[in-house]
Amino acid sequence: MKLRARAETLLWGAQRASAAVLAVCVLAHLATILYAVRGGLTAAEILSRTRGSFALAFFYGLFVLAVAVHAPVGLRAILRETFGWRGVPLDLGTAAFAGFLVWFGWRAVAGLFA
């Protein structure tokens, strides 16, 4: 039981840390959108500016990782409290969801970069 409590504490901390990263990423992302929209940039122009940018790939990769940590931990709590889902099936299900988020998020980042 002590190990389970430690794991829950680590998940709690991971979700709070990822929330802090997400707050910064969301603000930067929204500022970028406002800049692009006010500048009248088209989607093609935006993509032409993002191609090959390691800085943007790093930023959005970090964004994806923060989402992939934050969302599954929150979903795990919701599933446990709402449906009483517990144990290994809950952990595997939310881990699979995290993998899904990483896979498709990094594919989107690769699309911006490549």
PDB file of N, CA and C in Angstrom:
ATOM      1  N   MET A   1       0.824  -1.202   0.000  1.00  0.00           N
ATOM      2  CA  MET A   1       0.000   0.000   0.000  1.00  0.00           C
ATOM      3  C   MET A   1       0.864   1.262   0.000  1.00  0.00           C
ATOM      4  N   LYS A   2       2.020   1.190   0.635  1.00  0.00           N
ATOM      5  CA  LYS A   2       2.912   2.339   0.684  1.00  0.00           C
ATOM      6  C   LYS A   2       3.402   2.715  -0.716  1.00  0.00           C
ATOM      7  N   LEU A   3       3.676   1.708  -1.542  1.00  0.00           N
ATOM      8  CA  LEU A   3       4.116   1.947  -2.910  1.00  0.00           C
ATOM      9  C   LEU A   3       3.014   2.639  -3.710  1.00  0.00           C
ATOM     10  N   ARG A   4       1.769   2.228  -3.517  1.00  0.00           N
ATOM     11  CA  ARG A   4       0.631   2.821  -4.218  1.00  0.00           C
ATOM     12  C   ARG A   4       0.474   4.300  -3.846  1.00  0.00           C
ATOM     13  N   ALA A   5       0.644   4.605  -2.561  1.00  0.00           N
ATOM     14  CA  ALA A   5       0.540   5.997  -2.113  1.00  0.00           C
ATOM     15  C   ALA A   5       1.648   6.836  -2.727  1.00  0.00           C
ATOM     16  N   ARG A   6       2.834   6.276  -2.828  1.00  0.00           N
ATOM     17  CA  ARG A   6       3.951   7.001  -3.436  1.00  0.00           C
ATOM     18  C   ARG A   6       3.676   7.248  -4.919  1.00  0.00           C
ATOM     19  N   ALA A   7       3.148   6.248  -5.609  1.00  0.00           N
ATOM     20  CA  ALA A   7       2.823   6.404  -7.028  1.00  0.00           C
ATOM     21  C   ALA A   7       1.758   7.485  -7.221  1.00  0.00           C
ATOM     22  N   GLU A   8       0.754   7.493  -6.375  1.00  0.00           N
ATOM     23  CA  GLU A   8      -0.295   8.528  -6.465  1.00  0.00           C
ATOM     24  C   GLU A   8       0.288   9.915  -6.231  1.00  0.00           C
ATOM     25  N   THR A   9       1.221  10.025  -5.289  1.00  0.00           N
ATOM     26  CA  THR A   9       1.867  11.305  -5.013  1.00  0.00           C
ATOM     27  C   THR A   9       2.687  11.761  -6.214  1.00  0.00           C
ATOM     28  N   LEU A  10       3.404  10.830  -6.831  1.00  0.00           N
ATOM     29  CA  LEU A  10       4.189  11.174  -8.021  1.00  0.00           C
ATOM     30  C   LEU A  10       3.289  11.607  -9.180  1.00  0.00           C
ATOM     31  N   LEU A  11       2.158  10.928  -9.354  1.00  0.00           N
ATOM     32  CA  LEU A  11       1.220  11.317 -10.412  1.00  0.00           C
ATOM     33  C   LEU A  11       0.641  12.706 -10.144  1.00  0.00           C
ATOM     34  N   TRP A  12       0.332  12.969  -8.880  1.00  0.00           N
ATOM     35  CA  TRP A  12      -0.185  14.287  -8.507  1.00  0.00           C
ATOM     36  C   TRP A  12       0.841  15.367  -8.860  1.00  0.00           C
ATOM     37  N   GLY A  13       2.091  15.134  -8.495  1.00  0.00           N
ATOM     38  CA  GLY A  13       3.152  16.090  -8.794  1.00  0.00           C
ATOM     39  C   GLY A  13       3.376  16.257 -10.290  1.00  0.00           C
ATOM     40  N   ALA A  14       3.324  15.147 -11.030  1.00  0.00           N
ATOM     41  CA  ALA A  14       3.497  15.206 -12.484  1.00  0.00           C
ATOM     42  C   ALA A  14       2.388  16.016 -13.133  1.00  0.00           C
ATOM     43  N   GLN A  15       1.170  15.857 -12.632  1.00  0.00           N
ATOM     44  CA  GLN A  15       0.075  16.619 -13.228  1.00  0.00           C
ATOM     45  C   GLN A  15       0.219  18.110 -12.935  1.00  0.00           C
ATOM     46  N   ARG A  16       0.646  18.451 -11.735  1.00  0.00           N
ATOM     47  CA  ARG A  16       0.824  19.867 -11.403  1.00  0.00           C
ATOM     48  C   ARG A  16       1.981  20.480 -12.189  1.00  0.00           C
ATOM     49  N   ALA A  17       3.067  19.741 -12.329  1.00  0.00           N
ATOM     50  CA  ALA A  17       4.210  20.247 -13.104  1.00  0.00           C
ATOM     51  C   ALA A  17       3.830  20.409 -14.577  1.00  0.00           C
ATOM     52  N   SER A  18       3.103  19.423 -15.118  1.00  0.00           N
ATOM     53  CA  SER A  18       2.695  19.520 -16.521  1.00  0.00           C
ATOM     54  C   SER A  18       1.706  20.659 -16.721  1.00  0.00           C
ATOM     55  N   ALA A  19       0.898  20.963 -15.705  1.00  0.00           N
ATOM     56  CA  ALA A  19      -0.026  22.102 -15.796  1.00  0.00           C
ATOM     57  C   ALA A  19       0.744  23.411 -15.903  1.00  0.00           C
ATOM     58  N   ALA A  20       1.833  23.518 -15.173  1.00  0.00           N
ATOM     59  CA  ALA A  20       2.656  24.737 -15.245  1.00  0.00           C
ATOM     60  C   ALA A  20       3.266  24.892 -16.636  1.00  0.00           C
ATOM     61  N   VAL A  21       3.764  23.792 -17.188  1.00  0.00           N
ATOM     62  CA  VAL A  21       4.336  23.835 -18.541  1.00  0.00           C
ATOM     63  C   VAL A  21       3.240  24.163 -19.554  1.00  0.00           C
ATOM     64  N   LEU A  22       2.073  23.549 -19.395  1.00  0.00           N
ATOM     65  CA  LEU A  22       0.966  23.810 -20.312  1.00  0.00           C
ATOM     66  C   LEU A  22       0.523  25.271 -20.273  1.00  0.00           C
ATOM     67  N   ALA A  23       0.507  25.862 -19.099  1.00  0.00           N
ATOM     68  CA  ALA A  23       0.100  27.269 -18.998  1.00  0.00           C
ATOM     69  C   ALA A  23       0.996  28.150 -19.864  1.00  0.00           C
ATOM     70  N   VAL A  24       2.296  27.940 -19.777  1.00  0.00           N
ATOM     71  CA  VAL A  24       3.237  28.725 -20.582  1.00  0.00           C
ATOM     72  C   VAL A  24       3.057  28.410 -22.067  1.00  0.00           C
ATOM     73  N   CYS A  25       2.937  27.135 -22.399  1.00  0.00           N
ATOM     74  CA  CYS A  25       2.797  26.733 -23.800  1.00  0.00           C
ATOM     75  C   CYS A  25       1.516  27.275 -24.422  1.00  0.00           C
ATOM     76  N   VAL A  26       0.421  27.211 -23.693  1.00  0.00           N
ATOM     77  CA  VAL A  26      -0.855  27.707 -24.224  1.00  0.00           C
ATOM     78  C   VAL A  26      -0.777  29.212 -24.457  1.00  0.00           C
ATOM     79  N   LEU A  27      -0.209  29.944 -23.507  1.00  0.00           N
ATOM     80  CA  LEU A  27      -0.085  31.391 -23.689  1.00  0.00           C
ATOM     81  C   LEU A  27       0.791  31.728 -24.900  1.00  0.00           C
ATOM     82  N   ALA A  28       1.904  31.045 -25.047  1.00  0.00           N
ATOM     83  CA  ALA A  28       2.779  31.292 -26.197  1.00  0.00           C
ATOM     84  C   ALA A  28       2.079  30.919 -27.500  1.00  0.00           C
ATOM     85  N   HIS A  29       1.346  29.811 -27.491  1.00  0.00           N
ATOM     86  CA  HIS A  29       0.632  29.367 -28.679  1.00  0.00           C
ATOM     87  C   HIS A  29      -0.452  30.374 -29.072  1.00  0.00           C
ATOM     88  N   LEU A  30      -1.208  30.848 -28.088  1.00  0.00           N
ATOM     89  CA  LEU A  30      -2.251  31.839 -28.374  1.00  0.00           C
ATOM     90  C   LEU A  30      -1.654  33.148 -28.874  1.00  0.00           C
ATOM     91  N   ALA A  31      -0.543  33.563 -28.295  1.00  0.00           N
ATOM     92  CA  ALA A  31       0.123  34.782 -28.765  1.00  0.00           C
ATOM     93  C   ALA A  31       0.577  34.620 -30.215  1.00  0.00           C
ATOM     94  N   THR A  32       1.068  33.440 -30.545  1.00  0.00           N
ATOM     95  CA  THR A  32       1.497  33.162 -31.923  1.00  0.00           C
ATOM     96  C   THR A  32       0.310  33.198 -32.877  1.00  0.00           C
ATOM     97  N   ILE A  33      -0.807  32.634 -32.445  1.00  0.00           N
ATOM     98  CA  ILE A  33      -2.015  32.657 -33.287  1.00  0.00           C
ATOM     99  C   ILE A  33      -2.468  34.093 -33.523  1.00  0.00           C
ATOM    100  N   LEU A  34      -2.489  34.887 -32.465  1.00  0.00           N
ATOM    101  CA  LEU A  34      -2.907  36.286 -32.617  1.00  0.00           C
ATOM    102  C   LEU A  34      -1.985  37.036 -33.557  1.00  0.00           C
ATOM    103  N   TYR A  35      -0.689  36.812 -33.423  1.00  0.00           N
ATOM    104  CA  TYR A  35       0.282  37.451 -34.304  1.00  0.00           C
ATOM    105  C   TYR A  35       0.026  37.052 -35.756  1.00  0.00           C
ATOM    106  N   ALA A  36      -0.196  35.773 -35.988  1.00  0.00           N
ATOM    107  CA  ALA A  36      -0.398  35.269 -37.355  1.00  0.00           C
ATOM    108  C   ALA A  36      -1.697  35.800 -37.947  1.00  0.00           C
ATOM    109  N   VAL A  37      -2.753  35.819 -37.163  1.00  0.00           N
ATOM    110  CA  VAL A  37      -4.048  36.259 -37.670  1.00  0.00           C
ATOM    111  C   VAL A  37      -4.035  37.757 -37.948  1.00  0.00           C
ATOM    112  N   ARG A  38      -3.467  38.506 -37.048  1.00  0.00           N
ATOM    113  CA  ARG A  38      -3.408  39.962 -37.252  1.00  0.00           C
ATOM    114  C   ARG A  38      -2.489  40.321 -38.402  1.00  0.00           C
ATOM    115  N   GLY A  39      -1.500  39.500 -38.645  1.00  0.00           N
ATOM    116  CA  GLY A  39      -0.596  39.749 -39.775  1.00  0.00           C
ATOM    117  C   GLY A  39      -1.175  39.288 -41.099  1.00  0.00           C
ATOM    118  N   GLY A  40      -2.342  38.639 -41.047  1.00  0.00           N
ATOM    119  CA  GLY A  40      -2.993  38.180 -42.265  1.00  0.00           C
ATOM    120  C   GLY A  40      -2.318  36.994 -42.924  1.00  0.00           C
ATOM    121  N   LEU A  41      -1.577  36.211 -42.150  1.00  0.00           N
ATOM    122  CA  LEU A  41      -0.885  35.056 -42.724  1.00  0.00           C
ATOM    123  C   LEU A  41      -1.871  33.942 -43.063  1.00  0.00           C
ATOM    124  N   THR A  42      -1.633  33.282 -44.175  1.00  0.00           N
ATOM    125  CA  THR A  42      -2.425  32.117 -44.546  1.00  0.00           C
ATOM    126  C   THR A  42      -1.795  30.876 -43.924  1.00  0.00           C
ATOM    127  N   ALA A  43      -2.509  29.779 -43.965  1.00  0.00           N
ATOM    128  CA  ALA A  43      -1.977  28.522 -43.439  1.00  0.00           C
ATOM    129  C   ALA A  43      -0.702  28.122 -44.177  1.00  0.00           C
ATOM    130  N   ALA A  44      -0.683  28.314 -45.473  1.00  0.00           N
ATOM    131  CA  ALA A  44       0.505  27.971 -46.262  1.00  0.00           C
ATOM    132  C   ALA A  44       1.702  28.836 -45.853  1.00  0.00           C
ATOM    133  N   GLU A  45       1.462  30.111 -45.593  1.00  0.00           N
ATOM    134  CA  GLU A  45       2.552  30.998 -45.170  1.00  0.00           C
ATOM    135  C   GLU A  45       3.075  30.607 -43.782  1.00  0.00           C
ATOM    136  N   ILE A  46       2.166  30.242 -42.908  1.00  0.00           N
ATOM    137  CA  ILE A  46       2.569  29.811 -41.565  1.00  0.00           C
ATOM    138  C   ILE A  46       3.421  28.546 -41.652  1.00  0.00           C
ATOM    139  N   LEU A  47       2.962  27.576 -42.428  1.00  0.00           N
ATOM    140  CA  LEU A  47       3.725  26.332 -42.578  1.00  0.00           C
ATOM    141  C   LEU A  47       5.076  26.577 -43.230  1.00  0.00           C
ATOM    142  N   SER A  48       5.137  27.501 -44.165  1.00  0.00           N
ATOM    143  CA  SER A  48       6.427  27.785 -44.801  1.00  0.00           C
ATOM    144  C   SER A  48       7.409  28.387 -43.795  1.00  0.00           C
ATOM    145  N   ARG A  49       6.908  29.101 -42.799  1.00  0.00           N
ATOM    146  CA  ARG A  49       7.775  29.694 -41.779  1.00  0.00           C
ATOM    147  C   ARG A  49       8.188  28.688 -40.709  1.00  0.00           C
ATOM    148  N   THR A  50       7.397  27.644 -40.521  1.00  0.00           N
ATOM    149  CA  THR A  50       7.720  26.671 -39.471  1.00  0.00           C
ATOM    150  C   THR A  50       8.619  25.546 -39.965  1.00  0.00           C
ATOM    151  N   ARG A  51       8.687  25.338 -41.244  1.00  0.00           N
ATOM    152  CA  ARG A  51       9.499  24.247 -41.795  1.00  0.00           C
ATOM    153  C   ARG A  51      10.954  24.369 -41.363  1.00  0.00           C
ATOM    154  N   GLY A  52      11.479  23.293 -40.796  1.00  0.00           N
ATOM    155  CA  GLY A  52      12.881  23.242 -40.437  1.00  0.00           C
ATOM    156  C   GLY A  52      13.261  23.994 -39.174  1.00  0.00           C
ATOM    157  N   SER A  53      12.289  24.518 -38.448  1.00  0.00           N
ATOM    158  CA  SER A  53      12.598  25.272 -37.236  1.00  0.00           C
ATOM    159  C   SER A  53      12.744  24.319 -36.047  1.00  0.00           C
ATOM    160  N   PHE A  54      13.975  24.134 -35.597  1.00  0.00           N
ATOM    161  CA  PHE A  54      14.218  23.272 -34.441  1.00  0.00           C
ATOM    162  C   PHE A  54      13.596  23.866 -33.180  1.00  0.00           C
ATOM    163  N   ALA A  55      13.596  25.183 -33.075  1.00  0.00           N
ATOM    164  CA  ALA A  55      13.015  25.832 -31.893  1.00  0.00           C
ATOM    165  C   ALA A  55      11.523  25.537 -31.793  1.00  0.00           C
ATOM    166  N   LEU A  56      10.811  25.664 -32.911  1.00  0.00           N
ATOM    167  CA  LEU A  56       9.373  25.372 -32.883  1.00  0.00           C
ATOM    168  C   LEU A  56       9.106  23.891 -32.671  1.00  0.00           C
ATOM    169  N   ALA A  57       9.920  23.040 -33.256  1.00  0.00           N
ATOM    170  CA  ALA A  57       9.760  21.596 -33.046  1.00  0.00           C
ATOM    171  C   ALA A  57       9.971  21.259 -31.576  1.00  0.00           C
ATOM    172  N   PHE A  58      10.973  21.863 -30.955  1.00  0.00           N
ATOM    173  CA  PHE A  58      11.218  21.635 -29.533  1.00  0.00           C
ATOM    174  C   PHE A  58      10.045  22.152 -28.700  1.00  0.00           C
ATOM    175  N   PHE A  59       9.593  23.372 -28.996  1.00  0.00           N
ATOM    176  CA  PHE A  59       8.477  23.964 -28.254  1.00  0.00           C
ATOM    177  C   PHE A  59       7.226  23.092 -28.347  1.00  0.00           C
ATOM    178  N   TYR A  60       6.829  22.735 -29.554  1.00  0.00           N
ATOM    179  CA  TYR A  60       5.607  21.947 -29.706  1.00  0.00           C
ATOM    180  C   TYR A  60       5.794  20.501 -29.237  1.00  0.00           C
ATOM    181  N   GLY A  61       7.011  19.979 -29.320  1.00  0.00           N
ATOM    182  CA  GLY A  61       7.287  18.669 -28.735  1.00  0.00           C
ATOM    183  C   GLY A  61       7.110  18.686 -27.229  1.00  0.00           C
ATOM    184  N   LEU A  62       7.584  19.748 -26.588  1.00  0.00           N
ATOM    185  CA  LEU A  62       7.385  19.920 -25.152  1.00  0.00           C
ATOM    186  C   LEU A  62       5.905  20.059 -24.827  1.00  0.00           C
ATOM    187  N   PHE A  63       5.197  20.786 -25.646  1.00  0.00           N
ATOM    188  CA  PHE A  63       3.752  20.966 -25.504  1.00  0.00           C
ATOM    189  C   PHE A  63       3.059  19.597 -25.537  1.00  0.00           C
ATOM    190  N   VAL A  64       3.418  18.784 -26.513  1.00  0.00           N
ATOM    191  CA  VAL A  64       2.836  17.443 -26.643  1.00  0.00           C
ATOM    192  C   VAL A  64       3.135  16.597 -25.404  1.00  0.00           C
ATOM    193  N   LEU A  65       4.365  16.631 -24.937  1.00  0.00           N
ATOM    194  CA  LEU A  65       4.718  15.847 -23.742  1.00  0.00           C
ATOM    195  C   LEU A  65       3.935  16.303 -22.521  1.00  0.00           C
ATOM    196  N   ALA A  66       3.766  17.603 -22.373  1.00  0.00           N
ATOM    197  CA  ALA A  66       3.004  18.114 -21.238  1.00  0.00           C
ATOM    198  C   ALA A  66       1.548  17.652 -21.302  1.00  0.00           C
ATOM    199  N   VAL A  67       0.961  17.684 -22.486  1.00  0.00           N
ATOM    200  CA  VAL A  67      -0.413  17.196 -22.655  1.00  0.00           C
ATOM    201  C   VAL A  67      -0.485  15.701 -22.370  1.00  0.00           C
ATOM    202  N   ALA A  68       0.514  14.951 -22.846  1.00  0.00           N
ATOM    203  CA  ALA A  68       0.522  13.496 -22.684  1.00  0.00           C
ATOM    204  C   ALA A  68       0.712  13.079 -21.226  1.00  0.00           C
ATOM    205  N   VAL A  69       1.233  13.949 -20.403  1.00  0.00           N
ATOM    206  CA  VAL A  69       1.315  13.671 -18.958  1.00  0.00           C
ATOM    207  C   VAL A  69       0.045  14.155 -18.275  1.00  0.00           C
ATOM    208  N   HIS A  70      -0.353  15.376 -18.567  1.00  0.00           N
ATOM    209  CA  HIS A  70      -1.456  16.014 -17.841  1.00  0.00           C
ATOM    210  C   HIS A  70      -2.815  15.339 -18.071  1.00  0.00           C
ATOM    211  N   ALA A  71      -3.179  15.149 -19.316  1.00  0.00           N
ATOM    212  CA  ALA A  71      -4.515  14.636 -19.635  1.00  0.00           C
ATOM    213  C   ALA A  71      -4.760  13.217 -19.108  1.00  0.00           C
ATOM    214  N   PRO A  72      -3.852  12.266 -19.296  1.00  0.00           N
ATOM    215  CA  PRO A  72      -4.125  10.918 -18.793  1.00  0.00           C
ATOM    216  C   PRO A  72      -4.218  10.839 -17.255  1.00  0.00           C
ATOM    217  N   VAL A  73      -3.440  11.656 -16.561  1.00  0.00           N
ATOM    218  CA  VAL A  73      -3.531  11.645 -15.094  1.00  0.00           C
ATOM    219  C   VAL A  73      -4.904  12.150 -14.669  1.00  0.00           C
ATOM    220  N   GLY A  74      -5.377  13.208 -15.314  1.00  0.00           N
ATOM    221  CA  GLY A  74      -6.717  13.717 -15.021  1.00  0.00           C
ATOM    222  C   GLY A  74      -7.801  12.721 -15.401  1.00  0.00           C
ATOM    223  N   LEU A  75      -7.662  12.102 -16.565  1.00  0.00           N
ATOM    224  CA  LEU A  75      -8.628  11.088 -17.002  1.00  0.00           C
ATOM    225  C   LEU A  75      -8.644   9.908 -16.043  1.00  0.00           C
ATOM    226  N   ARG A  76      -7.482   9.533 -15.556  1.00  0.00           N
ATOM    227  CA  ARG A  76      -7.363   8.423 -14.599  1.00  0.00           C
ATOM    228  C   ARG A  76      -8.174   8.720 -13.341  1.00  0.00           C
ATOM    229  N   ALA A  77      -8.073   9.945 -12.843  1.00  0.00           N
ATOM    230  CA  ALA A  77      -8.834  10.331 -11.644  1.00  0.00           C
ATOM    231  C   ALA A  77     -10.331  10.316 -11.924  1.00  0.00           C
ATOM    232  N   ILE A  78     -10.723  10.793 -13.092  1.00  0.00           N
ATOM    233  CA  ILE A  78     -12.145  10.814 -13.446  1.00  0.00           C
ATOM    234  C   ILE A  78     -12.690   9.398 -13.556  1.00  0.00           C
ATOM    235  N   LEU A  79     -11.967   8.515 -14.241  1.00  0.00           N
ATOM    236  CA  LEU A  79     -12.423   7.126 -14.392  1.00  0.00           C
ATOM    237  C   LEU A  79     -12.506   6.410 -13.054  1.00  0.00           C
ATOM    238  N   ARG A  80     -11.554   6.679 -12.179  1.00  0.00           N
ATOM    239  CA  ARG A  80     -11.549   6.040 -10.862  1.00  0.00           C
ATOM    240  C   ARG A  80     -12.724   6.531 -10.019  1.00  0.00           C
ATOM    241  N   GLU A  81     -12.967   7.828 -10.019  1.00  0.00           N
ATOM    242  CA  GLU A  81     -14.021   8.393  -9.181  1.00  0.00           C
ATOM    243  C   GLU A  81     -15.421   8.166  -9.741  1.00  0.00           C
ATOM    244  N   THR A  82     -15.562   8.222 -11.047  1.00  0.00           N
ATOM    245  CA  THR A  82     -16.881   8.107 -11.668  1.00  0.00           C
ATOM    246  C   THR A  82     -17.319   6.660 -11.861  1.00  0.00           C
ATOM    247  N   PHE A  83     -16.400   5.827 -12.338  1.00  0.00           N
ATOM    248  CA  PHE A  83     -16.759   4.456 -12.687  1.00  0.00           C
ATOM    249  C   PHE A  83     -16.172   3.408 -11.761  1.00  0.00           C
ATOM    250  N   GLY A  84     -15.382   3.829 -10.786  1.00  0.00           N
ATOM    251  CA  GLY A  84     -14.790   2.886  -9.847  1.00  0.00           C
ATOM    252  C   GLY A  84     -13.734   1.987 -10.473  1.00  0.00           C
ATOM    253  N   TRP A  85     -13.194   2.410 -11.595  1.00  0.00           N
ATOM    254  CA  TRP A  85     -12.171   1.636 -12.294  1.00  0.00           C
ATOM    255  C   TRP A  85     -10.884   1.707 -11.490  1.00  0.00           C
ATOM    256  N   ARG A  86     -10.262   0.587 -11.213  1.00  0.00           N
ATOM    257  CA  ARG A  86      -9.076   0.562 -10.364  1.00  0.00           C
ATOM    258  C   ARG A  86      -8.029  -0.420 -10.892  1.00  0.00           C
ATOM    259  N   GLY A  87      -6.840  -0.318 -10.340  1.00  0.00           N
ATOM    260  CA  GLY A  87      -5.797  -1.308 -10.574  1.00  0.00           C
ATOM    261  C   GLY A  87      -5.138  -1.234 -11.933  1.00  0.00           C
ATOM    262  N   VAL A  88      -4.629  -2.391 -12.345  1.00  0.00           N
ATOM    263  CA  VAL A  88      -3.853  -2.496 -13.583  1.00  0.00           C
ATOM    264  C   VAL A  88      -4.658  -2.085 -14.821  1.00  0.00           C
ATOM    265  N   PRO A  89      -5.933  -2.485 -14.961  1.00  0.00           N
ATOM    266  CA  PRO A  89      -6.673  -2.046 -16.157  1.00  0.00           C
ATOM    267  C   PRO A  89      -6.760  -0.519 -16.273  1.00  0.00           C
ATOM    268  N   LEU A  90      -6.941   0.159 -15.151  1.00  0.00           N
ATOM    269  CA  LEU A  90      -6.981   1.616 -15.164  1.00  0.00           C
ATOM    270  C   LEU A  90      -5.628   2.181 -15.582  1.00  0.00           C
ATOM    271  N   ASP A  91      -4.575   1.659 -15.011  1.00  0.00           N
ATOM    272  CA  ASP A  91      -3.228   2.136 -15.330  1.00  0.00           C
ATOM    273  C   ASP A  91      -2.863   1.869 -16.787  1.00  0.00           C
ATOM    274  N   LEU A  92      -3.183   0.678 -17.283  1.00  0.00           N
ATOM    275  CA  LEU A  92      -2.876   0.350 -18.682  1.00  0.00           C
ATOM    276  C   LEU A  92      -3.712   1.178 -19.653  1.00  0.00           C
ATOM    277  N   GLY A  93      -4.970   1.387 -19.310  1.00  0.00           N
ATOM    278  CA  GLY A  93      -5.849   2.176 -20.173  1.00  0.00           C
ATOM    279  C   GLY A  93      -5.390   3.614 -20.299  1.00  0.00           C
ATOM    280  N   THR A  94      -5.027   4.213 -19.175  1.00  0.00           N
ATOM    281  CA  THR A  94      -4.578   5.602 -19.238  1.00  0.00           C
ATOM    282  C   THR A  94      -3.169   5.705 -19.838  1.00  0.00           C
ATOM    283  N   ALA A  95      -2.346   4.691 -19.644  1.00  0.00           N
ATOM    284  CA  ALA A  95      -1.029   4.673 -20.288  1.00  0.00           C
ATOM    285  C   ALA A  95      -1.195   4.566 -21.813  1.00  0.00           C
ATOM    286  N   ALA A  96      -2.155   3.766 -22.256  1.00  0.00           N
ATOM    287  CA  ALA A  96      -2.424   3.652 -23.698  1.00  0.00           C
ATOM    288  C   ALA A  96      -2.914   4.991 -24.250  1.00  0.00           C
ATOM    289  N   PHE A  97      -3.741   5.675 -23.483  1.00  0.00           N
ATOM    290  CA  PHE A  97      -4.218   7.002 -23.897  1.00  0.00           C
ATOM    291  C   PHE A  97      -3.045   7.978 -24.003  1.00  0.00           C
ATOM    292  N   ALA A  98      -2.125   7.918 -23.053  1.00  0.00           N
ATOM    293  CA  ALA A  98      -0.933   8.769 -23.102  1.00  0.00           C
ATOM    294  C   ALA A  98      -0.114   8.458 -24.348  1.00  0.00           C
ATOM    295  N   GLY A  99       0.043   7.179 -24.659  1.00  0.00           N
ATOM    296  CA  GLY A  99       0.770   6.787 -25.869  1.00  0.00           C
ATOM    297  C   GLY A  99       0.104   7.310 -27.126  1.00  0.00           C
ATOM    298  N   PHE A 100      -1.213   7.255 -27.158  1.00  0.00           N
ATOM    299  CA  PHE A 100      -1.994   7.788 -28.275  1.00  0.00           C
ATOM    300  C   PHE A 100      -1.715   9.281 -28.449  1.00  0.00           C
ATOM    301  N   LEU A 101      -1.733  10.025 -27.345  1.00  0.00           N
ATOM    302  CA  LEU A 101      -1.484  11.463 -27.407  1.00  0.00           C
ATOM    303  C   LEU A 101      -0.068  11.775 -27.901  1.00  0.00           C
ATOM    304  N   VAL A 102       0.906  11.029 -27.421  1.00  0.00           N
ATOM    305  CA  VAL A 102       2.295  11.243 -27.852  1.00  0.00           C
ATOM    306  C   VAL A 102       2.434  10.928 -29.335  1.00  0.00           C
ATOM    307  N   TRP A 103       1.911   9.790 -29.752  1.00  0.00           N
ATOM    308  CA  TRP A 103       2.039   9.372 -31.153  1.00  0.00           C
ATOM    309  C   TRP A 103       1.458  10.416 -32.103  1.00  0.00           C
ATOM    310  N   PHE A 104       0.213  10.802 -31.876  1.00  0.00           N
ATOM    311  CA  PHE A 104      -0.426  11.734 -32.792  1.00  0.00           C
ATOM    312  C   PHE A 104       0.078  13.161 -32.611  1.00  0.00           C
ATOM    313  N   GLY A 105       0.456  13.524 -31.409  1.00  0.00           N
ATOM    314  CA  GLY A 105       1.023  14.858 -31.185  1.00  0.00           C
ATOM    315  C   GLY A 105       2.348  15.023 -31.887  1.00  0.00           C
ATOM    316  N   TRP A 106       3.209  14.016 -31.768  1.00  0.00           N
ATOM    317  CA  TRP A 106       4.507  14.111 -32.429  1.00  0.00           C
ATOM    318  C   TRP A 106       4.384  14.022 -33.944  1.00  0.00           C
ATOM    319  N   ARG A 107       3.364  13.342 -34.426  1.00  0.00           N
ATOM    320  CA  ARG A 107       3.118  13.339 -35.877  1.00  0.00           C
ATOM    321  C   ARG A 107       2.760  14.737 -36.345  1.00  0.00           C
ATOM    322  N   ALA A 108       1.962  15.458 -35.549  1.00  0.00           N
ATOM    323  CA  ALA A 108       1.604  16.844 -35.893  1.00  0.00           C
ATOM    324  C   ALA A 108       2.850  17.738 -35.861  1.00  0.00           C
ATOM    325  N   VAL A 109       3.698  17.551 -34.862  1.00  0.00           N
ATOM    326  CA  VAL A 109       4.931  18.335 -34.780  1.00  0.00           C
ATOM    327  C   VAL A 109       5.808  18.043 -35.985  1.00  0.00           C
ATOM    328  N   ALA A 110       5.917  16.782 -36.353  1.00  0.00           N
ATOM    329  CA  ALA A 110       6.719  16.417 -37.526  1.00  0.00           C
ATOM    330  C   ALA A 110       6.156  17.076 -38.785  1.00  0.00           C
ATOM    331  N   GLY A 111       4.834  17.184 -38.879  1.00  0.00           N
ATOM    332  CA  GLY A 111       4.212  17.849 -40.009  1.00  0.00           C
ATOM    333  C   GLY A 111       4.561  19.324 -40.098  1.00  0.00           C
ATOM    334  N   LEU A 112       4.710  19.961 -38.939  1.00  0.00           N
ATOM    335  CA  LEU A 112       5.115  21.371 -38.931  1.00  0.00           C
ATOM    336  C   LEU A 112       6.582  21.538 -39.283  1.00  0.00           C
ATOM    337  N   PHE A 113       7.385  20.593 -38.854  1.00  0.00           N
ATOM    338  CA  PHE A 113       8.830  20.705 -39.010  1.00  0.00           C
ATOM    339  C   PHE A 113       9.300  20.283 -40.399  1.00  0.00           C
ATOM    340  N   ALA A 114       8.777  19.163 -40.875  1.00  0.00           N
ATOM    341  CA  ALA A 114       9.288  18.558 -42.122  1.00  0.00           C
ATOM    342  C   ALA A 114       8.800  19.255 -43.368  1.00  0.00           C
TER     343      ALA A 114
END
